[in-house]
Amino acid sequence: MNAVDGRPCQLTVCRGCCCGTKKKVPGVDHKAQLARLSTIDDHSGRTVPVRTSKCLGICFQANVVVVQPSQEGRAAGGRPVWLGQVTEDKLVEAIDDWIFEGGPGLVPLPAVLADHVTSKDAKKPKKRKKPKHSKSAKKERRKEREKAERKAERKAAKRAGEAEPDGKKSETEKPGKKKPGKKDKKHKKGKKKSGKAGKK
């Protein structure tokens, strides 16, 4: 058996908890996609075997398709190529064309598939920061605004010679009521004594 008569390319298609479901990937005819992948032939006219997997572990990349090299392609250094987010017909057609021409190890990856290359060890991307119009962002902006207002109040109070606005009423809040000084206290005591002396 020569290299050409050896094992053809193979496909592993994820169809389980996430891949191939309308809940995870709406707007795609998953059954039709699997049926289309099952009709792919290579340049020798051999139908490419398709194996379905319940889960390939990178659910955030649904739908996932793994292209295994042919025996000839593996001998030439080809390795399995993991493709994620295979949700468009043009991507399935590109996989078909690639395998027909030779697949991994024999023919370069088509440009349309380049952005879909992933791996079994791919990490789920971190969540993006919440947009500025989100509730938490509004709260943060309100806190910053209130903080700036308090700072401005403290500065204004210092300039006016008032105490910091911490709940205590300053002298300016009670116009006409001054705290009695030592002289005022003595004066009041004197009045009380003189009043008592007069009564006697």
C-alpha atoms as a PDB file:
ATOM      1  CA  MET A   1       0.000   0.000   0.000  1.00  0.00           C
ATOM      2  CA  ASN A   2       1.533   3.317  -1.061  1.00  0.00           C
ATOM      3  CA  ALA A   3       1.073   6.702   0.603  1.00  0.00           C
ATOM      4  CA  VAL A   4      -1.731   7.753  -1.774  1.00  0.00           C
ATOM      5  CA  ASP A   5      -3.743   4.624  -0.931  1.00  0.00           C
ATOM      6  CA  GLY A   6      -3.264   5.239   2.816  1.00  0.00           C
ATOM      7  CA  ARG A   7      -5.730   6.762   5.228  1.00  0.00           C
ATOM      8  CA  PRO A   8      -7.490   9.898   3.926  1.00  0.00           C
ATOM      9  CA  CYS A   9      -8.081  13.057   5.932  1.00  0.00           C
ATOM     10  CA  GLN A  10     -10.606  12.697   8.715  1.00  0.00           C
ATOM     11  CA  LEU A  11     -12.981  15.117  10.427  1.00  0.00           C
ATOM     12  CA  THR A  12     -14.008  15.229  14.070  1.00  0.00           C
ATOM     13  CA  VAL A  13     -17.122  17.352  14.528  1.00  0.00           C
ATOM     14  CA  CYS A  14     -18.340  18.449  17.935  1.00  0.00           C
ATOM     15  CA  ARG A  15     -22.045  17.757  18.427  1.00  0.00           C
ATOM     16  CA  GLY A  16     -22.968  17.666  22.083  1.00  0.00           C
ATOM     17  CA  CYS A  17     -23.723  20.004  24.951  1.00  0.00           C
ATOM     18  CA  CYS A  18     -22.956  23.240  23.084  1.00  0.00           C
ATOM     19  CA  CYS A  19     -21.760  22.679  19.531  1.00  0.00           C
ATOM     20  CA  GLY A  20     -24.527  21.843  17.131  1.00  0.00           C
ATOM     21  CA  THR A  21     -27.307  23.284  19.301  1.00  0.00           C
ATOM     22  CA  LYS A  22     -29.623  26.172  18.467  1.00  0.00           C
ATOM     23  CA  LYS A  23     -29.439  27.377  22.072  1.00  0.00           C
ATOM     24  CA  LYS A  24     -25.676  27.949  21.861  1.00  0.00           C
ATOM     25  CA  VAL A  25     -25.421  28.798  18.155  1.00  0.00           C
ATOM     26  CA  PRO A  26     -28.766  30.061  16.830  1.00  0.00           C
ATOM     27  CA  GLY A  27     -29.451  30.680  13.165  1.00  0.00           C
ATOM     28  CA  VAL A  28     -27.502  27.654  11.908  1.00  0.00           C
ATOM     29  CA  ASP A  29     -28.923  24.442  10.423  1.00  0.00           C
ATOM     30  CA  HIS A  30     -26.620  22.117  12.352  1.00  0.00           C
ATOM     31  CA  LYS A  31     -28.000  18.897  10.849  1.00  0.00           C
ATOM     32  CA  ALA A  32     -27.479  20.223   7.321  1.00  0.00           C
ATOM     33  CA  GLN A  33     -23.946  21.312   8.214  1.00  0.00           C
ATOM     34  CA  LEU A  34     -23.049  17.845   9.507  1.00  0.00           C
ATOM     35  CA  ALA A  35     -24.602  16.242   6.431  1.00  0.00           C
ATOM     36  CA  ARG A  36     -22.552  18.564   4.175  1.00  0.00           C
ATOM     37  CA  LEU A  37     -19.306  17.755   5.998  1.00  0.00           C
ATOM     38  CA  SER A  38     -20.098  14.059   5.541  1.00  0.00           C
ATOM     39  CA  THR A  39     -20.110  14.426   1.725  1.00  0.00           C
ATOM     40  CA  ILE A  40     -16.513  15.736   1.438  1.00  0.00           C
ATOM     41  CA  ASP A  41     -14.224  13.743  -0.872  1.00  0.00           C
ATOM     42  CA  ASP A  42     -10.471  14.044  -1.293  1.00  0.00           C
ATOM     43  CA  HIS A  43      -8.595  14.308  -4.604  1.00  0.00           C
ATOM     44  CA  SER A  44      -8.550  10.512  -4.896  1.00  0.00           C
ATOM     45  CA  GLY A  45     -12.335  10.356  -4.713  1.00  0.00           C
ATOM     46  CA  ARG A  46     -12.332   8.870  -1.206  1.00  0.00           C
ATOM     47  CA  THR A  47     -15.064  10.065   1.133  1.00  0.00           C
ATOM     48  CA  VAL A  48     -13.627  11.685   4.223  1.00  0.00           C
ATOM     49  CA  PRO A  49     -14.691   9.858   7.401  1.00  0.00           C
ATOM     50  CA  VAL A  50     -16.581  12.064   9.879  1.00  0.00           C
ATOM     51  CA  ARG A  51     -16.618  11.254  13.578  1.00  0.00           C
ATOM     52  CA  THR A  52     -18.879  13.138  15.993  1.00  0.00           C
ATOM     53  CA  SER A  53     -17.787  13.966  19.533  1.00  0.00           C
ATOM     54  CA  LYS A  54     -20.081  14.874  22.439  1.00  0.00           C
ATOM     55  CA  CYS A  55     -17.649  17.529  23.636  1.00  0.00           C
ATOM     56  CA  LEU A  56     -14.203  18.730  22.545  1.00  0.00           C
ATOM     57  CA  GLY A  57     -13.761  20.942  25.597  1.00  0.00           C
ATOM     58  CA  ILE A  58     -13.752  24.418  24.045  1.00  0.00           C
ATOM     59  CA  CYS A  59     -17.473  25.116  24.048  1.00  0.00           C
ATOM     60  CA  PHE A  60     -16.998  28.878  23.693  1.00  0.00           C
ATOM     61  CA  GLN A  61     -15.674  28.177  20.169  1.00  0.00           C
ATOM     62  CA  ALA A  62     -18.801  26.307  18.974  1.00  0.00           C
ATOM     63  CA  ASN A  63     -19.081  24.844  16.407  1.00  0.00           C
ATOM     64  CA  VAL A  64     -15.724  23.060  16.541  1.00  0.00           C
ATOM     65  CA  VAL A  65     -14.325  20.975  13.670  1.00  0.00           C
ATOM     66  CA  VAL A  66     -10.968  19.168  13.770  1.00  0.00           C
ATOM     67  CA  VAL A  67      -9.298  18.333  10.439  1.00  0.00           C
ATOM     68  CA  GLN A  68      -6.979  15.330  10.762  1.00  0.00           C
ATOM     69  CA  PRO A  69      -4.251  15.018   8.096  1.00  0.00           C
ATOM     70  CA  SER A  70      -4.189  12.119   5.699  1.00  0.00           C
ATOM     71  CA  GLN A  71      -1.486   9.476   6.031  1.00  0.00           C
ATOM     72  CA  GLU A  72       0.440  11.259   3.288  1.00  0.00           C
ATOM     73  CA  GLY A  73      -0.096  14.645   4.955  1.00  0.00           C
ATOM     74  CA  ARG A  74       1.076  13.359   8.334  1.00  0.00           C
ATOM     75  CA  ALA A  75       4.209  11.907   6.716  1.00  0.00           C
ATOM     76  CA  ALA A  76       4.862  15.406   5.317  1.00  0.00           C
ATOM     77  CA  GLY A  77       4.587  16.937   8.815  1.00  0.00           C
ATOM     78  CA  GLY A  78       0.893  17.730   8.895  1.00  0.00           C
ATOM     79  CA  ARG A  79      -0.876  17.832  12.278  1.00  0.00           C
ATOM     80  CA  PRO A  80      -4.546  18.085  13.278  1.00  0.00           C
ATOM     81  CA  VAL A  81      -5.984  21.578  12.777  1.00  0.00           C
ATOM     82  CA  TRP A  82      -8.661  22.733  15.198  1.00  0.00           C
ATOM     83  CA  LEU A  83     -11.193  25.160  13.779  1.00  0.00           C
ATOM     84  CA  GLY A  84     -13.650  27.112  15.921  1.00  0.00           C
ATOM     85  CA  GLN A  85     -16.829  29.059  15.208  1.00  0.00           C
ATOM     86  CA  VAL A  86     -17.555  27.107  12.053  1.00  0.00           C
ATOM     87  CA  THR A  87     -21.040  28.515  11.611  1.00  0.00           C
ATOM     88  CA  GLU A  88     -21.103  29.701   7.977  1.00  0.00           C
ATOM     89  CA  ASP A  89     -21.504  27.743   4.756  1.00  0.00           C
ATOM     90  CA  LYS A  90     -18.445  29.456   3.232  1.00  0.00           C
ATOM     91  CA  LEU A  91     -16.270  27.948   5.990  1.00  0.00           C
ATOM     92  CA  VAL A  92     -17.582  24.447   5.305  1.00  0.00           C
ATOM     93  CA  GLU A  93     -16.885  24.981   1.579  1.00  0.00           C
ATOM     94  CA  ALA A  94     -13.340  26.141   2.409  1.00  0.00           C
ATOM     95  CA  ILE A  95     -12.763  22.975   4.468  1.00  0.00           C
ATOM     96  CA  ASP A  96     -14.037  20.912   1.517  1.00  0.00           C
ATOM     97  CA  ASP A  97     -11.692  22.664  -0.951  1.00  0.00           C
ATOM     98  CA  TRP A  98      -8.719  22.352   1.402  1.00  0.00           C
ATOM     99  CA  ILE A  99      -9.199  18.623   1.937  1.00  0.00           C
ATOM    100  CA  PHE A 100      -9.791  18.042  -1.781  1.00  0.00           C
ATOM    101  CA  GLU A 101      -6.446  19.682  -2.555  1.00  0.00           C
ATOM    102  CA  GLY A 102      -4.570  17.675   0.103  1.00  0.00           C
ATOM    103  CA  GLY A 103      -5.327  19.112   3.540  1.00  0.00           C
ATOM    104  CA  PRO A 104      -2.918  19.570   6.493  1.00  0.00           C
ATOM    105  CA  GLY A 105       0.740  18.965   5.671  1.00  0.00           C
ATOM    106  CA  LEU A 106       0.253  19.111   1.915  1.00  0.00           C
ATOM    107  CA  VAL A 107      -1.557  22.383   1.210  1.00  0.00           C
ATOM    108  CA  PRO A 108      -1.486  25.700   3.125  1.00  0.00           C
ATOM    109  CA  LEU A 109      -4.536  26.613   5.170  1.00  0.00           C
ATOM    110  CA  PRO A 110      -7.031  28.730   3.188  1.00  0.00           C
ATOM    111  CA  ALA A 111      -7.032  32.402   4.230  1.00  0.00           C
ATOM    112  CA  VAL A 112     -10.748  32.320   5.092  1.00  0.00           C
ATOM    113  CA  LEU A 113     -10.034  29.690   7.779  1.00  0.00           C
ATOM    114  CA  ALA A 114      -7.005  31.446   9.291  1.00  0.00           C
ATOM    115  CA  ASP A 115      -9.040  33.444  11.843  1.00  0.00           C
ATOM    116  CA  HIS A 116     -10.840  30.278  12.969  1.00  0.00           C
ATOM    117  CA  VAL A 117      -7.769  28.263  13.965  1.00  0.00           C
ATOM    118  CA  THR A 118      -7.896  27.334  17.646  1.00  0.00           C
ATOM    119  CA  SER A 119      -6.650  24.477  19.838  1.00  0.00           C
ATOM    120  CA  LYS A 120      -7.860  22.016  22.451  1.00  0.00           C
ATOM    121  CA  ASP A 121      -6.046  24.144  25.058  1.00  0.00           C
ATOM    122  CA  ALA A 122      -7.625  27.440  23.991  1.00  0.00           C
ATOM    123  CA  LYS A 123      -8.560  29.699  26.900  1.00  0.00           C
ATOM    124  CA  LYS A 124     -11.873  31.455  27.098  1.00  0.00           C
ATOM    125  CA  PRO A 125     -11.306  35.182  26.601  1.00  0.00           C
ATOM    126  CA  LYS A 126     -11.843  37.423  29.624  1.00  0.00           C
ATOM    127  CA  LYS A 127     -15.065  39.358  29.776  1.00  0.00           C
ATOM    128  CA  ARG A 128     -14.833  42.847  28.421  1.00  0.00           C
ATOM    129  CA  LYS A 129     -15.171  45.786  30.752  1.00  0.00           C
ATOM    130  CA  LYS A 130     -18.738  46.934  31.197  1.00  0.00           C
ATOM    131  CA  PRO A 131     -19.695  49.806  28.902  1.00  0.00           C
ATOM    132  CA  LYS A 132     -19.904  53.319  30.306  1.00  0.00           C
ATOM    133  CA  HIS A 133     -23.707  53.287  30.269  1.00  0.00           C
ATOM    134  CA  SER A 134     -23.948  50.248  32.605  1.00  0.00           C
ATOM    135  CA  LYS A 135     -25.409  50.562  36.136  1.00  0.00           C
ATOM    136  CA  SER A 136     -22.107  49.876  37.898  1.00  0.00           C
ATOM    137  CA  ALA A 137     -20.327  52.489  35.764  1.00  0.00           C
ATOM    138  CA  LYS A 138     -23.037  55.046  36.626  1.00  0.00           C
ATOM    139  CA  LYS A 139     -22.585  54.301  40.345  1.00  0.00           C
ATOM    140  CA  GLU A 140     -18.838  54.787  40.046  1.00  0.00           C
ATOM    141  CA  ARG A 141     -19.300  58.117  38.265  1.00  0.00           C
ATOM    142  CA  ARG A 142     -21.808  59.271  40.918  1.00  0.00           C
ATOM    143  CA  LYS A 143     -19.385  58.358  43.735  1.00  0.00           C
ATOM    144  CA  GLU A 144     -16.587  60.260  42.025  1.00  0.00           C
ATOM    145  CA  ARG A 145     -18.854  63.279  41.550  1.00  0.00           C
ATOM    146  CA  GLU A 146     -19.940  63.256  45.217  1.00  0.00           C
ATOM    147  CA  LYS A 147     -16.325  62.916  46.338  1.00  0.00           C
ATOM    148  CA  ALA A 148     -15.344  65.910  44.194  1.00  0.00           C
ATOM    149  CA  GLU A 149     -18.261  67.937  45.612  1.00  0.00           C
ATOM    150  CA  ARG A 150     -17.235  67.167  49.221  1.00  0.00           C
ATOM    151  CA  LYS A 151     -13.667  68.143  48.434  1.00  0.00           C
ATOM    152  CA  ALA A 152     -14.869  71.453  46.957  1.00  0.00           C
ATOM    153  CA  GLU A 153     -17.009  72.095  50.058  1.00  0.00           C
ATOM    154  CA  ARG A 154     -14.044  71.523  52.376  1.00  0.00           C
ATOM    155  CA  LYS A 155     -11.908  73.915  50.352  1.00  0.00           C
ATOM    156  CA  ALA A 156     -14.639  76.557  50.418  1.00  0.00           C
ATOM    157  CA  ALA A 157     -15.048  76.108  54.174  1.00  0.00           C
ATOM    158  CA  LYS A 158     -11.326  76.554  54.771  1.00  0.00           C
ATOM    159  CA  ARG A 159     -11.296  79.729  52.704  1.00  0.00           C
ATOM    160  CA  ALA A 160     -14.198  81.141  54.690  1.00  0.00           C
ATOM    161  CA  GLY A 161     -12.542  80.176  57.979  1.00  0.00           C
ATOM    162  CA  GLU A 162     -15.252  77.694  58.827  1.00  0.00           C
ATOM    163  CA  ALA A 163     -14.956  74.207  60.238  1.00  0.00           C
ATOM    164  CA  GLU A 164     -15.206  71.250  57.909  1.00  0.00           C
ATOM    165  CA  PRO A 165     -18.801  70.255  57.160  1.00  0.00           C
ATOM    166  CA  ASP A 166     -18.945  67.179  59.440  1.00  0.00           C
ATOM    167  CA  GLY A 167     -22.409  67.637  60.868  1.00  0.00           C
ATOM    168  CA  LYS A 168     -21.407  70.298  63.472  1.00  0.00           C
ATOM    169  CA  LYS A 169     -23.034  73.677  62.990  1.00  0.00           C
ATOM    170  CA  SER A 170     -20.563  76.434  62.343  1.00  0.00           C
ATOM    171  CA  GLU A 171     -20.797  79.969  63.606  1.00  0.00           C
ATOM    172  CA  THR A 172     -22.031  81.211  60.230  1.00  0.00           C
ATOM    173  CA  GLU A 173     -25.033  78.854  60.444  1.00  0.00           C
ATOM    174  CA  LYS A 174     -26.230  80.771  63.573  1.00  0.00           C
ATOM    175  CA  PRO A 175     -25.959  84.439  62.758  1.00  0.00           C
ATOM    176  CA  GLY A 176     -26.508  86.657  65.789  1.00  0.00           C
ATOM    177  CA  LYS A 177     -25.725  83.870  68.278  1.00  0.00           C
ATOM    178  CA  LYS A 178     -22.132  84.148  69.329  1.00  0.00           C
ATOM    179  CA  LYS A 179     -20.401  81.903  71.782  1.00  0.00           C
ATOM    180  CA  PRO A 180     -20.032  83.814  75.013  1.00  0.00           C
ATOM    181  CA  GLY A 181     -16.482  84.834  75.836  1.00  0.00           C
ATOM    182  CA  LYS A 182     -15.000  85.101  79.346  1.00  0.00           C
ATOM    183  CA  LYS A 183     -15.944  88.770  79.657  1.00  0.00           C
ATOM    184  CA  ASP A 184     -19.561  88.069  78.709  1.00  0.00           C
ATOM    185  CA  LYS A 185     -19.833  85.306  81.313  1.00  0.00           C
ATOM    186  CA  LYS A 186     -18.464  87.566  84.080  1.00  0.00           C
ATOM    187  CA  HIS A 187     -20.875  90.300  83.038  1.00  0.00           C
ATOM    188  CA  LYS A 188     -23.870  87.925  83.292  1.00  0.00           C
ATOM    189  CA  LYS A 189     -22.744  86.690  86.751  1.00  0.00           C
ATOM    190  CA  GLY A 190     -22.435  90.257  87.911  1.00  0.00           C
ATOM    191  CA  LYS A 191     -26.008  91.009  86.814  1.00  0.00           C
ATOM    192  CA  LYS A 192     -27.374  87.981  88.677  1.00  0.00           C
ATOM    193  CA  LYS A 193     -25.607  88.968  91.911  1.00  0.00           C
ATOM    194  CA  SER A 194     -26.763  92.559  91.727  1.00  0.00           C
ATOM    195  CA  GLY A 195     -30.314  91.356  91.086  1.00  0.00           C
ATOM    196  CA  LYS A 196     -30.273  89.169  94.214  1.00  0.00           C
ATOM    197  CA  ALA A 197     -28.789  92.005  96.319  1.00  0.00           C
ATOM    198  CA  GLY A 198     -31.592  94.332  95.263  1.00  0.00           C
ATOM    199  CA  LYS A 199     -34.269  91.818  96.329  1.00  0.00           C
ATOM    200  CA  LYS A 200     -32.836  91.573  99.823  1.00  0.00           C
END
